[in-house]
Amino acid sequence: MRCTPETLAFYTYTASRFITLLESQSMNAPAEVDAPRVRAYLAKLIGEDKASSTVNDHTRAERTLLRFRHAEKYLPEPVIFALPKVEQERNPVLSVEELSRVLARL
């Protein structure tokens, strides 16, 4: 598929975390995976205080894994779930007073 080593490492890491969680819940067959279990995994990541971009990255990776499993007939139906939004961080803004102090030093 011409994936870079970094891409393969990313998918290996994210898939192994997801599969480990499923196995800890006594899920051993791919067909047992459903959207509520994916959302529970994402909630776990959020509970670990992961950045919204990290949660989104994991979600995209799990979606790719589940699409592959469906295409290869390991899953009878596609598993559909929403991607969490990435929070936009606002850059700090100086107040008028702070800007005046900075300009006064120039």
N, C-alpha and C. Protein backbone atom coordinates (compact mmCIF):
# COMPACT_ATOMS: atom_id res chain seq x y z
N MET A 1 0.81 -1.21 0.00
CA MET A 1 0.00 0.00 0.00
C MET A 1 0.85 1.26 0.00
N ARG A 2 2.14 1.11 0.07
CA ARG A 2 3.07 2.23 0.05
C ARG A 2 2.89 3.18 1.24
N CYS A 3 2.61 2.61 2.39
CA CYS A 3 2.51 3.43 3.60
C CYS A 3 3.90 3.68 4.15
N THR A 4 4.09 4.84 4.71
CA THR A 4 5.38 5.14 5.32
C THR A 4 5.50 4.36 6.63
N PRO A 5 6.73 4.16 7.11
CA PRO A 5 6.90 3.49 8.40
C PRO A 5 6.16 4.22 9.53
N GLU A 6 6.10 5.53 9.46
CA GLU A 6 5.40 6.31 10.48
C GLU A 6 3.90 6.01 10.46
N THR A 7 3.32 5.92 9.25
CA THR A 7 1.90 5.61 9.13
C THR A 7 1.61 4.22 9.68
N LEU A 8 2.44 3.26 9.34
CA LEU A 8 2.26 1.90 9.85
C LEU A 8 2.38 1.87 11.37
N ALA A 9 3.34 2.60 11.91
CA ALA A 9 3.51 2.65 13.37
C ALA A 9 2.28 3.27 14.03
N PHE A 10 1.73 4.32 13.42
CA PHE A 10 0.54 4.98 13.96
C PHE A 10 -0.64 4.02 14.00
N TYR A 11 -0.89 3.34 12.87
CA TYR A 11 -2.02 2.41 12.84
C TYR A 11 -1.80 1.21 13.76
N THR A 12 -0.57 0.75 13.87
CA THR A 12 -0.27 -0.35 14.79
C THR A 12 -0.58 0.07 16.22
N TYR A 13 -0.15 1.27 16.58
CA TYR A 13 -0.37 1.76 17.95
C TYR A 13 -1.86 1.95 18.25
N THR A 14 -2.56 2.65 17.36
CA THR A 14 -3.97 2.94 17.64
C THR A 14 -4.81 1.67 17.59
N ALA A 15 -4.56 0.81 16.62
CA ALA A 15 -5.34 -0.43 16.52
C ALA A 15 -5.08 -1.33 17.72
N SER A 16 -3.83 -1.41 18.17
CA SER A 16 -3.53 -2.29 19.30
C SER A 16 -4.20 -1.79 20.58
N ARG A 17 -4.26 -0.48 20.78
CA ARG A 17 -4.96 0.05 21.96
C ARG A 17 -6.45 -0.29 21.91
N PHE A 18 -7.04 -0.11 20.75
CA PHE A 18 -8.46 -0.38 20.59
C PHE A 18 -8.75 -1.87 20.77
N ILE A 19 -7.98 -2.71 20.13
CA ILE A 19 -8.19 -4.16 20.22
C ILE A 19 -7.94 -4.66 21.64
N THR A 20 -6.95 -4.11 22.31
CA THR A 20 -6.68 -4.50 23.71
C THR A 20 -7.89 -4.18 24.58
N LEU A 21 -8.50 -3.01 24.38
CA LEU A 21 -9.69 -2.66 25.15
C LEU A 21 -10.83 -3.62 24.86
N LEU A 22 -11.03 -3.94 23.59
CA LEU A 22 -12.10 -4.88 23.23
C LEU A 22 -11.87 -6.25 23.86
N GLU A 23 -10.64 -6.71 23.82
CA GLU A 23 -10.32 -8.01 24.41
C GLU A 23 -10.53 -7.99 25.92
N SER A 24 -10.26 -6.85 26.55
CA SER A 24 -10.47 -6.75 28.00
C SER A 24 -11.96 -6.83 28.36
N GLN A 25 -12.81 -6.61 27.37
CA GLN A 25 -14.26 -6.70 27.55
C GLN A 25 -14.78 -8.04 27.01
N SER A 26 -13.87 -8.99 26.88
CA SER A 26 -14.20 -10.34 26.40
C SER A 26 -14.77 -10.37 25.00
N MET A 27 -14.36 -9.42 24.19
CA MET A 27 -14.76 -9.41 22.78
C MET A 27 -13.62 -10.00 21.97
N ASN A 28 -13.86 -11.10 21.33
CA ASN A 28 -12.81 -11.76 20.59
C ASN A 28 -13.10 -11.91 19.10
N ALA A 29 -14.31 -11.57 18.69
CA ALA A 29 -14.68 -11.68 17.28
C ALA A 29 -14.91 -10.29 16.70
N PRO A 30 -14.34 -10.01 15.54
CA PRO A 30 -14.53 -8.69 14.93
C PRO A 30 -15.99 -8.30 14.76
N ALA A 31 -16.86 -9.27 14.52
CA ALA A 31 -18.28 -8.97 14.27
C ALA A 31 -18.98 -8.42 15.51
N GLU A 32 -18.35 -8.52 16.68
CA GLU A 32 -18.96 -8.03 17.92
C GLU A 32 -18.80 -6.52 18.09
N VAL A 33 -17.97 -5.91 17.28
CA VAL A 33 -17.71 -4.47 17.41
C VAL A 33 -18.89 -3.69 16.87
N ASP A 34 -19.32 -2.68 17.64
CA ASP A 34 -20.41 -1.82 17.21
C ASP A 34 -20.10 -0.38 17.61
N ALA A 35 -20.92 0.53 17.13
CA ALA A 35 -20.68 1.96 17.37
C ALA A 35 -20.64 2.31 18.86
N PRO A 36 -21.52 1.76 19.71
CA PRO A 36 -21.43 2.10 21.14
C PRO A 36 -20.09 1.71 21.77
N ARG A 37 -19.52 0.61 21.32
CA ARG A 37 -18.20 0.22 21.86
C ARG A 37 -17.11 1.18 21.39
N VAL A 38 -17.22 1.63 20.16
CA VAL A 38 -16.24 2.62 19.67
C VAL A 38 -16.38 3.90 20.47
N ARG A 39 -17.60 4.35 20.70
CA ARG A 39 -17.81 5.58 21.48
C ARG A 39 -17.31 5.41 22.91
N ALA A 40 -17.44 4.22 23.48
CA ALA A 40 -16.92 3.97 24.82
C ALA A 40 -15.40 4.07 24.83
N TYR A 41 -14.77 3.58 23.78
CA TYR A 41 -13.31 3.70 23.67
C TYR A 41 -12.90 5.17 23.58
N LEU A 42 -13.62 5.94 22.78
CA LEU A 42 -13.30 7.36 22.64
C LEU A 42 -13.53 8.10 23.96
N ALA A 43 -14.58 7.72 24.67
CA ALA A 43 -14.84 8.32 25.98
C ALA A 43 -13.70 8.01 26.94
N LYS A 44 -13.15 6.81 26.83
CA LYS A 44 -12.00 6.43 27.66
C LYS A 44 -10.80 7.34 27.36
N LEU A 45 -10.57 7.59 26.07
CA LEU A 45 -9.47 8.48 25.69
C LEU A 45 -9.70 9.89 26.24
N ILE A 46 -10.92 10.36 26.13
CA ILE A 46 -11.24 11.69 26.65
C ILE A 46 -11.05 11.71 28.16
N GLY A 47 -11.44 10.62 28.83
CA GLY A 47 -11.27 10.50 30.27
C GLY A 47 -9.81 10.48 30.69
N GLU A 48 -8.93 10.08 29.78
CA GLU A 48 -7.49 10.10 30.03
C GLU A 48 -6.92 11.49 29.77
N ASP A 49 -7.80 12.43 29.50
CA ASP A 49 -7.43 13.83 29.25
C ASP A 49 -6.56 13.99 28.00
N LYS A 50 -6.85 13.20 26.98
CA LYS A 50 -6.14 13.32 25.71
C LYS A 50 -6.63 14.57 24.99
N ALA A 51 -5.75 15.17 24.24
CA ALA A 51 -6.12 16.35 23.45
C ALA A 51 -7.18 15.97 22.43
N SER A 52 -8.00 16.93 22.06
CA SER A 52 -9.07 16.64 21.10
C SER A 52 -8.49 16.17 19.76
N SER A 53 -7.32 16.66 19.39
CA SER A 53 -6.69 16.21 18.15
C SER A 53 -6.26 14.75 18.26
N THR A 54 -5.80 14.33 19.43
CA THR A 54 -5.41 12.93 19.64
C THR A 54 -6.63 12.02 19.55
N VAL A 55 -7.72 12.43 20.18
CA VAL A 55 -8.95 11.64 20.14
C VAL A 55 -9.44 11.55 18.69
N ASN A 56 -9.38 12.64 17.96
CA ASN A 56 -9.78 12.64 16.56
C ASN A 56 -8.89 11.72 15.73
N ASP A 57 -7.58 11.74 15.99
CA ASP A 57 -6.65 10.85 15.27
C ASP A 57 -7.00 9.38 15.52
N HIS A 58 -7.26 9.04 16.77
CA HIS A 58 -7.62 7.66 17.11
C HIS A 58 -8.94 7.28 16.44
N THR A 59 -9.87 8.21 16.42
CA THR A 59 -11.17 7.93 15.81
C THR A 59 -11.01 7.64 14.32
N ARG A 60 -10.22 8.44 13.64
CA ARG A 60 -10.00 8.21 12.22
C ARG A 60 -9.32 6.87 11.98
N ALA A 61 -8.38 6.51 12.86
CA ALA A 61 -7.69 5.23 12.71
C ALA A 61 -8.64 4.06 12.94
N GLU A 62 -9.49 4.17 13.94
CA GLU A 62 -10.45 3.09 14.20
C GLU A 62 -11.46 2.98 13.07
N ARG A 63 -11.87 4.12 12.53
CA ARG A 63 -12.80 4.10 11.40
C ARG A 63 -12.15 3.38 10.21
N THR A 64 -10.88 3.65 9.96
CA THR A 64 -10.16 2.99 8.88
C THR A 64 -10.08 1.48 9.12
N LEU A 65 -9.76 1.09 10.35
CA LEU A 65 -9.69 -0.32 10.70
C LEU A 65 -11.04 -1.01 10.48
N LEU A 66 -12.10 -0.38 10.96
CA LEU A 66 -13.43 -0.98 10.84
C LEU A 66 -13.92 -1.01 9.40
N ARG A 67 -13.56 -0.01 8.61
CA ARG A 67 -13.93 -0.04 7.18
C ARG A 67 -13.20 -1.19 6.48
N PHE A 68 -11.93 -1.37 6.82
CA PHE A 68 -11.17 -2.47 6.24
C PHE A 68 -11.79 -3.81 6.62
N ARG A 69 -12.13 -3.95 7.90
CA ARG A 69 -12.73 -5.21 8.35
C ARG A 69 -14.07 -5.48 7.65
N HIS A 70 -14.84 -4.44 7.40
CA HIS A 70 -16.10 -4.62 6.69
C HIS A 70 -15.83 -4.99 5.23
N ALA A 71 -14.89 -4.30 4.59
CA ALA A 71 -14.57 -4.59 3.19
C ALA A 71 -14.06 -6.02 3.01
N GLU A 72 -13.38 -6.54 4.02
CA GLU A 72 -12.84 -7.90 3.96
C GLU A 72 -13.82 -8.94 4.50
N LYS A 73 -15.05 -8.51 4.81
CA LYS A 73 -16.14 -9.38 5.25
C LYS A 73 -15.95 -9.93 6.67
N TYR A 74 -15.13 -9.26 7.49
CA TYR A 74 -15.04 -9.64 8.91
C TYR A 74 -16.20 -9.06 9.70
N LEU A 75 -16.76 -7.98 9.19
CA LEU A 75 -17.93 -7.34 9.81
C LEU A 75 -19.09 -7.43 8.83
N PRO A 76 -20.25 -7.89 9.29
CA PRO A 76 -21.39 -8.02 8.37
C PRO A 76 -21.95 -6.67 7.93
N GLU A 77 -21.88 -5.68 8.80
CA GLU A 77 -22.40 -4.35 8.51
C GLU A 77 -21.31 -3.32 8.83
N PRO A 78 -21.32 -2.19 8.14
CA PRO A 78 -20.36 -1.14 8.50
C PRO A 78 -20.68 -0.58 9.88
N VAL A 79 -19.64 -0.19 10.60
CA VAL A 79 -19.80 0.43 11.92
C VAL A 79 -19.67 1.93 11.68
N ILE A 80 -20.75 2.65 11.93
CA ILE A 80 -20.79 4.08 11.63
C ILE A 80 -20.86 4.87 12.93
N PHE A 81 -20.00 5.86 13.05
CA PHE A 81 -19.98 6.73 14.22
C PHE A 81 -19.40 8.07 13.81
N ALA A 82 -19.71 9.08 14.58
CA ALA A 82 -19.28 10.45 14.26
C ALA A 82 -17.84 10.68 14.73
N LEU A 83 -17.14 11.47 13.96
CA LEU A 83 -15.81 11.90 14.37
C LEU A 83 -15.94 13.05 15.35
N PRO A 84 -15.21 12.99 16.46
CA PRO A 84 -15.26 14.13 17.38
C PRO A 84 -14.54 15.33 16.77
N LYS A 85 -15.02 16.48 17.08
CA LYS A 85 -14.41 17.70 16.55
C LYS A 85 -13.10 18.01 17.27
N VAL A 86 -12.21 18.61 16.51
CA VAL A 86 -10.95 19.07 17.09
C VAL A 86 -11.18 20.49 17.58
N GLU A 87 -10.91 20.70 18.85
CA GLU A 87 -11.10 22.03 19.42
C GLU A 87 -10.07 22.99 18.84
N GLN A 88 -10.55 24.14 18.46
CA GLN A 88 -9.65 25.17 17.94
C GLN A 88 -9.11 25.98 19.10
N GLU A 89 -7.80 25.95 19.26
CA GLU A 89 -7.20 26.72 20.34
C GLU A 89 -7.04 28.16 19.89
N ARG A 90 -7.43 29.05 20.77
CA ARG A 90 -7.30 30.47 20.46
C ARG A 90 -5.95 30.96 20.93
N ASN A 91 -5.32 31.73 20.09
CA ASN A 91 -4.06 32.34 20.47
C ASN A 91 -4.31 33.41 21.51
N PRO A 92 -3.39 33.56 22.45
CA PRO A 92 -3.60 34.61 23.45
C PRO A 92 -3.59 35.99 22.79
N VAL A 93 -4.41 36.86 23.31
CA VAL A 93 -4.53 38.21 22.77
C VAL A 93 -4.22 39.19 23.88
N LEU A 94 -3.41 40.19 23.55
CA LEU A 94 -3.08 41.21 24.53
C LEU A 94 -4.25 42.18 24.69
N SER A 95 -4.44 42.61 25.92
CA SER A 95 -5.43 43.65 26.15
C SER A 95 -4.84 44.97 25.67
N VAL A 96 -5.68 45.98 25.61
CA VAL A 96 -5.21 47.31 25.19
C VAL A 96 -4.12 47.79 26.14
N GLU A 97 -4.33 47.58 27.43
CA GLU A 97 -3.35 48.01 28.43
C GLU A 97 -2.02 47.27 28.27
N GLU A 98 -2.08 45.96 28.05
CA GLU A 98 -0.86 45.18 27.86
C GLU A 98 -0.12 45.60 26.60
N LEU A 99 -0.85 45.85 25.53
CA LEU A 99 -0.25 46.29 24.28
C LEU A 99 0.39 47.66 24.46
N SER A 100 -0.25 48.52 25.20
CA SER A 100 0.32 49.85 25.45
C SER A 100 1.64 49.73 26.20
N ARG A 101 1.70 48.83 27.18
CA ARG A 101 2.95 48.63 27.94
C ARG A 101 4.06 48.09 27.03
N VAL A 102 3.71 47.17 26.15
CA VAL A 102 4.71 46.62 25.24
C VAL A 102 5.23 47.71 24.31
N LEU A 103 4.33 48.48 23.76
CA LEU A 103 4.73 49.53 22.84
C LEU A 103 5.53 50.63 23.54
N ALA A 104 5.25 50.87 24.79
CA ALA A 104 5.97 51.89 25.55
C ALA A 104 7.42 51.47 25.76
N ARG A 105 7.71 50.21 25.75
CA ARG A 105 9.07 49.71 25.97
C ARG A 105 9.91 49.78 24.70
N LEU A 106 9.29 50.01 23.57
CA LEU A 106 10.04 50.05 22.30
C LEU A 106 10.71 51.35 22.09
